[in-house]
Amino acid sequence: MSSRHVHLITPGDHFSPLTGSAVPTVVHGLASARRTPRSTVLVAHGTYETRYPSADVVEYAESPQRRSDRYLDLVAAALGSPRPGARRRLAAALRDQDEWPDSVVLAHNAPQAVPLVAARHAPVLYAHNQLLRTYGRREAARVLRPAAAVVCVSEFLADETARMLPPELSALVRAVPNGVDAEQFAGPRAPRETATRITFVGRVIREKGVDVLLDAVRALDRPDLHVTVVGRPGFAADAPLSAYEEGLRRTAATTRATVEFASFVPRPDLPEILRRTDVLVVPSVWPEPFGLTALEGMAAGAAVVASEIGGLPEAVGDAGLLVPPGDVASLAAVITALADDEALLARTQAAGRRRAVECSWTRASEALDAALSASPRRATGARRP
């Protein structure tokens, strides 16, 4: 029988379709594919009450952050000591673990949770980002010594993580690429219009490269492009515009293309937006650990253009088009090719859809089980004393 999985997400994050956060999306996907035994997700009391139905939710009383936590954790990190602020918040989620059946505890983006997991369970660090930049090797070794495995969402991130660990821990690192619910995004696509519909979805911050996209559109000087920017710096649609967002609006005003800023939308609204999209652009200028948006665009039938950086090439595979990060001219050339060549657009869209179907959450869940079974410490639900 498969081991019971307990997912620990960031304290204060929402296990809800009303948020755009990647971690709950991944947890929901994995839990949906793993029907027996049913997964459990630890969620702080007071987070969104609308929850994904894929797992049992166990609420806990969150320990509030203290103003001194960040300072104390920075000092502790410099000394290679346990980080008291992070551990206090994570310990609140694990308060009742002695009452659980033997479980695999998947600590998402939470290295400091690993040593807090009781010996009868198997702690696994599930890395969605590069988590060890502020860790020296000695601290990383101390914190992750009890880990049964370290799971990363791409080979790129796995290589980055393994390089920051001593050899005995780098052997625990495994890559489990994210998946996508292709059926959720499938459906009738909007009829092709005269204007080519280009969409960006994500956090509207400089690292995501929205300015690169708008500069490319401005350079093309074409009125037959319709660009939609979906997202905000955070997940609040009513937050004041950042200086970066204000700059994007100034750029948009200088182009002949139509540019629409659609703000943040809940995840249930995203499939319809992507089904109206001809070309989804993921123009990141920083090394994305994976790139869920690329797979979701493919699942909805959009052609995907992404930066050749970080884990994005792994997400896109050979089904999308890659451009150098920050290269306005290259991005403009690819947009021109897709806008002017209906056959190329159709082939790229069809290839993306096929890839999305292959990259199911069932495949990701099976890869996770295989990674845990192959670990030298075998994360099977309880570890030896």
Protein backbone atom coordinates (compact mmCIF):
# COMPACT_ATOMS: atom_id res chain seq x y z
CA MET A 1 0.00 0.00 0.00
CA SER A 2 1.25 3.48 -0.81
CA SER A 3 2.42 5.76 1.99
CA ARG A 4 0.24 8.53 3.35
CA HIS A 5 1.38 11.96 2.18
CA VAL A 6 1.11 15.02 4.40
CA HIS A 7 1.79 18.30 2.59
CA LEU A 8 3.08 21.22 4.62
CA ILE A 9 2.65 24.43 2.64
CA THR A 10 3.95 27.85 3.64
CA PRO A 11 2.18 29.08 6.80
CA GLY A 12 -0.45 31.61 5.74
CA ASP A 13 -0.68 30.35 2.15
CA HIS A 14 -4.08 29.27 0.83
CA PHE A 15 -4.89 25.75 -0.38
CA SER A 16 -7.47 27.33 -2.63
CA PRO A 17 -8.25 27.94 -6.31
CA LEU A 18 -8.80 31.58 -5.37
CA THR A 19 -5.04 32.14 -5.19
CA GLY A 20 -2.52 32.08 -8.00
CA SER A 21 0.27 30.66 -5.85
CA ALA A 22 2.17 27.84 -7.53
CA VAL A 23 2.73 25.63 -4.47
CA PRO A 24 -0.98 24.96 -3.73
CA THR A 25 -1.51 24.30 -7.44
CA VAL A 26 1.20 21.64 -7.40
CA VAL A 27 -0.10 20.09 -4.17
CA HIS A 28 -3.62 19.95 -5.60
CA GLY A 29 -2.34 18.31 -8.77
CA LEU A 30 -0.37 15.67 -6.91
CA ALA A 31 -3.21 14.99 -4.46
CA SER A 32 -5.74 14.69 -7.30
CA ALA A 33 -3.64 11.98 -8.92
CA ARG A 34 -3.09 10.11 -5.65
CA ARG A 35 -6.45 8.73 -4.61
CA THR A 36 -5.41 6.09 -2.03
CA PRO A 37 -4.50 6.79 0.64
CA ARG A 38 -5.98 10.25 0.48
CA SER A 39 -3.46 13.06 0.99
CA THR A 40 -3.57 15.58 3.82
CA VAL A 41 -2.69 19.27 3.59
CA LEU A 42 -1.77 21.34 6.66
CA VAL A 43 -3.41 24.77 6.37
CA ALA A 44 -3.30 27.69 8.78
CA HIS A 45 -6.61 28.70 10.33
CA GLY A 46 -7.93 31.89 8.76
CA THR A 47 -6.83 31.17 5.20
CA TYR A 48 -9.39 31.03 2.39
CA GLU A 49 -12.29 28.73 3.30
CA THR A 50 -12.80 27.75 -0.35
CA ARG A 51 -10.40 24.81 -0.57
CA TYR A 52 -9.36 22.37 -3.26
CA PRO A 53 -11.34 19.12 -2.83
CA SER A 54 -8.41 16.83 -3.65
CA ALA A 55 -7.09 16.36 -0.09
CA ASP A 56 -8.15 16.35 3.52
CA VAL A 57 -7.42 19.72 5.09
CA VAL A 58 -6.13 19.87 8.65
CA GLU A 59 -6.20 23.37 10.11
CA TYR A 60 -3.80 24.56 12.75
CA ALA A 61 -3.47 27.73 14.79
CA GLU A 62 -0.69 29.71 13.18
CA SER A 63 2.03 31.28 15.30
CA PRO A 64 2.06 34.93 14.32
CA GLN A 65 5.22 36.43 12.88
CA ARG A 66 7.15 38.67 15.22
CA ARG A 67 8.92 41.80 14.07
CA SER A 68 12.18 40.38 15.41
CA ASP A 69 11.90 37.04 13.58
CA ARG A 70 13.61 38.11 10.38
CA TYR A 71 16.53 39.71 12.23
CA LEU A 72 16.96 36.73 14.55
CA ASP A 73 16.85 34.30 11.65
CA LEU A 74 19.48 36.28 9.73
CA VAL A 75 21.78 36.29 12.75
CA ALA A 76 21.19 32.57 13.34
CA ALA A 77 21.91 31.81 9.67
CA ALA A 78 25.18 33.73 9.83
CA LEU A 79 26.18 31.59 12.83
CA GLY A 80 24.97 28.36 11.24
CA SER A 81 22.42 27.93 14.04
CA PRO A 82 18.73 26.92 13.88
CA ARG A 83 16.50 29.76 12.66
CA PRO A 84 14.07 30.35 15.55
CA GLY A 85 11.45 32.43 13.74
CA ALA A 86 11.00 30.04 10.83
CA ARG A 87 11.00 26.99 13.09
CA ARG A 88 8.44 28.44 15.49
CA ARG A 89 5.95 29.06 12.66
CA LEU A 90 6.54 25.65 11.10
CA ALA A 91 6.35 23.84 14.45
CA ALA A 92 2.79 25.12 14.85
CA ALA A 93 1.76 23.16 11.75
CA LEU A 94 3.38 19.99 13.08
CA ARG A 95 2.03 20.29 16.61
CA ASP A 96 -0.20 17.20 16.36
CA GLN A 97 2.14 14.95 14.38
CA ASP A 98 2.46 12.40 17.19
CA GLU A 99 -1.19 11.52 16.58
CA TRP A 100 -0.73 10.86 12.84
CA PRO A 101 -0.22 7.46 11.28
CA ASP A 102 3.25 6.95 9.82
CA SER A 103 3.49 9.44 6.94
CA VAL A 104 5.72 11.02 4.34
CA VAL A 105 5.78 14.71 5.28
CA LEU A 106 6.40 16.85 2.20
CA ALA A 107 7.71 20.22 3.38
CA HIS A 108 7.13 22.59 0.47
CA ASN A 109 9.80 25.31 0.30
CA ALA A 110 10.46 24.79 4.02
CA PRO A 111 13.96 23.46 4.79
CA GLN A 112 13.61 24.40 8.45
CA ALA A 113 10.65 22.02 8.81
CA VAL A 114 12.75 18.94 8.04
CA PRO A 115 14.41 18.58 11.48
CA LEU A 116 11.05 19.25 13.19
CA VAL A 117 9.41 16.11 11.75
CA ALA A 118 9.16 13.27 14.26
CA ALA A 119 11.36 10.22 13.68
CA ARG A 120 8.36 7.96 12.97
CA HIS A 121 7.62 9.98 9.82
CA ALA A 122 9.74 10.54 6.70
CA PRO A 123 10.51 14.22 6.05
CA VAL A 124 10.99 15.30 2.43
CA LEU A 125 12.04 18.78 1.34
CA TYR A 126 9.99 19.68 -1.74
CA ALA A 127 11.79 22.56 -3.45
CA HIS A 128 9.87 24.80 -5.84
CA ASN A 129 12.62 27.45 -5.75
CA GLN A 130 16.30 27.75 -4.94
CA LEU A 131 16.00 27.59 -1.15
CA LEU A 132 19.63 27.29 -0.06
CA ARG A 133 21.18 30.57 -1.24
CA THR A 134 21.41 31.83 2.33
CA TYR A 135 22.72 28.50 3.67
CA GLY A 136 26.31 27.54 4.12
CA ARG A 137 27.14 23.88 3.56
CA ARG A 138 27.41 23.22 7.28
CA GLU A 139 23.98 24.68 8.03
CA ALA A 140 22.43 22.90 5.03
CA ALA A 141 23.92 19.61 6.22
CA ARG A 142 22.61 20.12 9.75
CA VAL A 143 19.11 21.09 8.64
CA LEU A 144 18.66 18.45 5.95
CA ARG A 145 20.46 15.55 7.64
CA PRO A 146 17.14 13.89 8.64
CA ALA A 147 15.64 14.23 5.14
CA ALA A 148 14.56 11.08 3.35
CA ALA A 149 14.79 12.93 0.03
CA VAL A 150 15.05 16.38 -1.52
CA VAL A 151 12.59 16.75 -4.41
CA CYS A 152 12.98 19.57 -6.96
CA VAL A 153 10.50 20.62 -9.64
CA SER A 154 13.03 20.45 -12.51
CA GLU A 155 16.40 19.01 -13.42
CA PHE A 156 17.71 22.58 -13.53
CA LEU A 157 16.68 23.21 -9.93
CA ALA A 158 17.91 19.76 -8.85
CA ASP A 159 21.37 20.50 -10.26
CA GLU A 160 21.42 23.93 -8.59
CA THR A 161 20.36 22.44 -5.26
CA ALA A 162 22.74 19.48 -5.35
CA ARG A 163 25.70 21.80 -5.92
CA MET A 164 24.95 23.55 -2.63
CA LEU A 165 24.91 20.34 -0.58
CA PRO A 166 27.64 18.04 0.72
CA PRO A 167 27.97 14.76 -1.24
CA GLU A 168 26.01 12.62 1.23
CA LEU A 169 22.99 14.93 0.85
CA SER A 170 23.32 15.70 -2.86
CA ALA A 171 22.68 11.97 -3.41
CA LEU A 172 19.17 12.53 -2.00
CA VAL A 173 18.21 15.11 -4.64
CA ARG A 174 15.64 14.04 -7.22
CA ALA A 175 13.79 15.95 -9.98
CA VAL A 176 10.02 15.56 -10.28
CA PRO A 177 8.74 17.87 -13.05
CA ASN A 178 5.40 19.52 -12.48
CA GLY A 179 2.32 18.41 -14.38
CA VAL A 180 -0.86 19.97 -15.69
CA ASP A 181 -4.54 19.06 -15.67
CA ALA A 182 -4.98 19.10 -19.44
CA GLU A 183 -8.71 18.49 -19.25
CA GLN A 184 -9.25 21.50 -16.98
CA PHE A 185 -7.78 23.78 -19.65
CA ALA A 186 -9.20 21.97 -22.68
CA GLY A 187 -12.42 23.12 -24.31
CA PRO A 188 -13.74 25.01 -27.31
CA ARG A 189 -11.26 27.64 -28.40
CA ALA A 190 -12.36 31.12 -29.42
CA PRO A 191 -12.46 31.60 -33.21
CA ARG A 192 -9.32 33.12 -34.73
CA GLU A 193 -9.62 36.88 -35.07
CA THR A 194 -7.88 39.35 -37.37
CA ALA A 195 -5.62 40.42 -34.52
CA THR A 196 -3.22 37.87 -33.06
CA ARG A 197 -4.06 37.49 -29.37
CA ILE A 198 -0.95 37.42 -27.18
CA THR A 199 -1.17 36.79 -23.43
CA PHE A 200 1.17 37.02 -20.45
CA VAL A 201 0.11 35.35 -17.18
CA GLY A 202 2.05 35.72 -13.96
CA ARG A 203 3.39 38.10 -11.37
CA VAL A 204 3.94 41.48 -12.97
CA ILE A 205 7.45 42.10 -11.71
CA ARG A 206 10.67 42.88 -13.56
CA GLU A 207 12.01 39.32 -13.28
CA LYS A 208 9.05 38.04 -15.30
CA GLY A 209 10.02 40.19 -18.30
CA VAL A 210 6.69 41.84 -19.14
CA ASP A 211 8.66 44.91 -20.25
CA VAL A 212 10.54 42.73 -22.74
CA LEU A 213 7.25 41.61 -24.26
CA LEU A 214 5.87 45.14 -24.53
CA ASP A 215 9.15 46.44 -25.98
CA ALA A 216 8.97 43.70 -28.63
CA VAL A 217 5.38 44.62 -29.48
CA ARG A 218 6.29 48.31 -29.66
CA ALA A 219 9.23 47.52 -31.97
CA LEU A 220 6.92 45.65 -34.34
CA ASP A 221 4.64 48.69 -34.69
CA ARG A 222 1.68 46.51 -35.76
CA PRO A 223 -1.96 47.30 -35.05
CA ASP A 224 -2.98 43.66 -35.61
CA LEU A 225 -1.66 42.48 -32.21
CA HIS A 226 -3.82 42.31 -29.07
CA VAL A 227 -1.79 41.85 -25.88
CA THR A 228 -3.36 40.91 -22.54
CA VAL A 229 -1.30 41.12 -19.35
CA VAL A 230 -2.89 38.97 -16.63
CA GLY A 231 -1.53 39.39 -13.12
CA ARG A 232 -0.26 41.77 -10.47
CA PRO A 233 2.92 41.80 -8.37
CA GLY A 234 1.00 39.87 -5.70
CA PHE A 235 -2.44 38.32 -5.61
CA ALA A 236 -4.49 41.42 -4.78
CA ALA A 237 -6.36 42.95 -7.70
CA ASP A 238 -7.01 46.21 -5.83
CA ALA A 239 -3.43 46.93 -4.70
CA PRO A 240 -1.92 50.27 -5.85
CA LEU A 241 0.11 50.09 -9.06
CA SER A 242 3.83 49.56 -8.57
CA ALA A 243 6.36 51.81 -10.28
CA TYR A 244 7.11 48.91 -12.64
CA GLU A 245 3.43 48.57 -13.59
CA GLU A 246 3.15 52.29 -14.20
CA GLY A 247 6.13 52.06 -16.54
CA LEU A 248 4.47 49.23 -18.45
CA ARG A 249 1.39 51.35 -18.99
CA ARG A 250 3.52 54.16 -20.36
CA THR A 251 5.12 51.74 -22.80
CA ALA A 252 1.72 50.39 -23.81
CA ALA A 253 0.54 53.90 -24.65
CA THR A 254 3.32 54.24 -27.24
CA THR A 255 2.47 51.14 -29.29
CA ARG A 256 -0.06 50.70 -32.09
CA ALA A 257 -1.04 47.30 -30.72
CA THR A 258 -3.96 46.96 -28.32
CA VAL A 259 -2.66 46.31 -24.80
CA GLU A 260 -5.04 45.31 -22.02
CA PHE A 261 -4.07 44.98 -18.36
CA ALA A 262 -6.40 42.35 -16.88
CA SER A 263 -5.08 42.43 -13.29
CA PHE A 264 -5.15 39.33 -11.07
CA VAL A 265 -7.76 36.64 -11.76
CA PRO A 266 -8.66 33.55 -9.68
CA ARG A 267 -7.46 30.28 -11.16
CA PRO A 268 -10.95 29.11 -12.19
CA ASP A 269 -11.06 32.02 -14.66
CA LEU A 270 -7.69 31.22 -16.23
CA PRO A 271 -8.68 28.41 -18.67
CA GLU A 272 -11.14 30.62 -20.52
CA ILE A 273 -8.55 33.37 -20.88
CA LEU A 274 -5.99 30.92 -22.24
CA ARG A 275 -8.52 29.40 -24.66
CA ARG A 276 -8.88 32.88 -26.17
CA THR A 277 -5.10 33.13 -26.55
CA ASP A 278 -3.23 32.49 -29.80
CA VAL A 279 0.26 32.93 -28.34
CA LEU A 280 1.23 32.71 -24.67
CA VAL A 281 4.54 34.44 -23.96
CA VAL A 282 6.64 33.56 -20.90
CA PRO A 283 9.42 36.18 -21.22
CA SER A 284 11.18 35.66 -17.89
CA VAL A 285 14.64 37.16 -17.45
CA TRP A 286 15.44 35.16 -14.30
CA PRO A 287 15.92 31.38 -14.07
CA GLU A 288 12.39 30.12 -13.50
CA PRO A 289 12.54 26.86 -11.52
CA PHE A 290 9.95 25.32 -13.86
CA GLY A 291 7.15 27.34 -15.48
CA LEU A 292 3.65 25.97 -14.81
CA THR A 293 2.10 28.70 -16.95
CA ALA A 294 3.80 27.33 -20.07
CA LEU A 295 2.17 23.91 -19.62
CA GLU A 296 -1.20 25.47 -18.85
CA GLY A 297 -1.04 27.57 -22.01
CA MET A 298 -0.22 24.48 -24.05
CA ALA A 299 -3.10 22.58 -22.46
CA ALA A 300 -5.48 25.35 -23.53
CA GLY A 301 -4.24 25.17 -27.12
CA ALA A 302 -2.05 28.27 -27.23
CA ALA A 303 1.33 28.40 -28.94
CA VAL A 304 3.96 28.99 -26.26
CA VAL A 305 7.01 31.22 -26.57
CA ALA A 306 9.34 31.14 -23.57
CA SER A 307 12.75 32.36 -22.49
CA GLU A 308 15.55 29.83 -22.73
CA ILE A 309 16.50 30.07 -19.08
CA GLY A 310 16.20 28.03 -15.89
CA GLY A 311 13.62 25.24 -15.98
CA LEU A 312 11.51 26.77 -18.76
CA PRO A 313 13.10 24.68 -21.54
CA GLU A 314 12.16 21.55 -19.57
CA ALA A 315 8.56 22.71 -19.23
CA VAL A 316 8.27 23.63 -22.91
CA GLY A 317 10.21 20.69 -24.30
CA ASP A 318 10.27 20.64 -28.09
CA ALA A 319 6.63 21.75 -28.33
CA GLY A 320 7.20 25.49 -27.91
CA LEU A 321 9.55 28.17 -29.20
CA LEU A 322 12.47 29.42 -27.10
CA VAL A 323 14.15 32.82 -27.23
CA PRO A 324 17.15 34.24 -25.34
CA PRO A 325 16.02 35.98 -22.13
CA GLY A 326 15.74 39.75 -22.47
CA ASP A 327 16.27 39.64 -26.25
CA VAL A 328 13.63 42.02 -27.62
CA ALA A 329 14.58 41.49 -31.27
CA SER A 330 14.39 37.68 -31.06
CA LEU A 331 11.03 37.78 -29.31
CA ALA A 332 9.69 40.23 -31.90
CA ALA A 333 10.86 37.93 -34.71
CA VAL A 334 9.09 34.90 -33.21
CA ILE A 335 5.87 36.87 -32.65
CA THR A 336 6.02 38.01 -36.29
CA ALA A 337 6.48 34.45 -37.52
CA LEU A 338 3.51 33.15 -35.54
CA ALA A 339 1.28 36.10 -36.48
CA ASP A 340 2.05 35.83 -40.20
CA ASP A 341 2.24 32.07 -40.68
CA GLU A 342 -1.06 30.35 -39.87
CA ALA A 343 0.43 26.91 -40.50
CA LEU A 344 3.30 27.51 -38.08
CA LEU A 345 0.87 28.81 -35.46
CA ALA A 346 -1.38 25.76 -35.86
CA ARG A 347 1.54 23.30 -35.69
CA THR A 348 2.94 24.93 -32.56
CA GLN A 349 -0.46 24.94 -30.87
CA ALA A 350 -1.07 21.27 -31.71
CA ALA A 351 2.39 20.23 -30.50
CA GLY A 352 1.81 22.05 -27.23
CA ARG A 353 -1.51 20.37 -26.66
CA ARG A 354 0.06 16.94 -27.20
CA ARG A 355 2.81 17.72 -24.72
CA ALA A 356 0.33 18.94 -22.10
CA VAL A 357 -1.62 15.69 -22.34
CA GLU A 358 1.61 13.75 -21.80
CA CYS A 359 2.60 15.89 -18.79
CA SER A 360 -0.25 14.82 -16.54
CA TRP A 361 -0.33 15.01 -12.77
CA THR A 362 -0.60 11.22 -12.78
CA ARG A 363 2.81 11.12 -14.44
CA ALA A 364 4.16 13.60 -11.88
CA SER A 365 2.71 11.58 -8.98
CA GLU A 366 4.25 8.37 -10.30
CA ALA A 367 7.59 10.16 -10.70
CA LEU A 368 7.35 11.34 -7.10
CA ASP A 369 6.67 7.81 -5.85
CA ALA A 370 9.61 6.52 -7.90
CA ALA A 371 11.90 9.26 -6.57
CA LEU A 372 10.99 8.50 -2.98
CA SER A 373 11.39 4.76 -3.48
CA ALA A 374 14.79 5.26 -5.13
CA SER A 375 16.10 7.46 -2.34
CA PRO A 376 19.03 5.92 -0.42
CA ARG A 377 16.92 6.47 2.70
CA ARG A 378 13.67 5.21 1.13
CA ALA A 379 10.93 7.67 2.08
CA THR A 380 8.25 5.04 2.63
CA GLY A 381 6.38 6.49 5.58
CA ALA A 382 8.65 5.97 8.55
CA ARG A 383 12.40 6.18 8.95
CA ARG A 384 14.69 4.07 11.02
CA PRO A 385 15.79 5.52 14.37
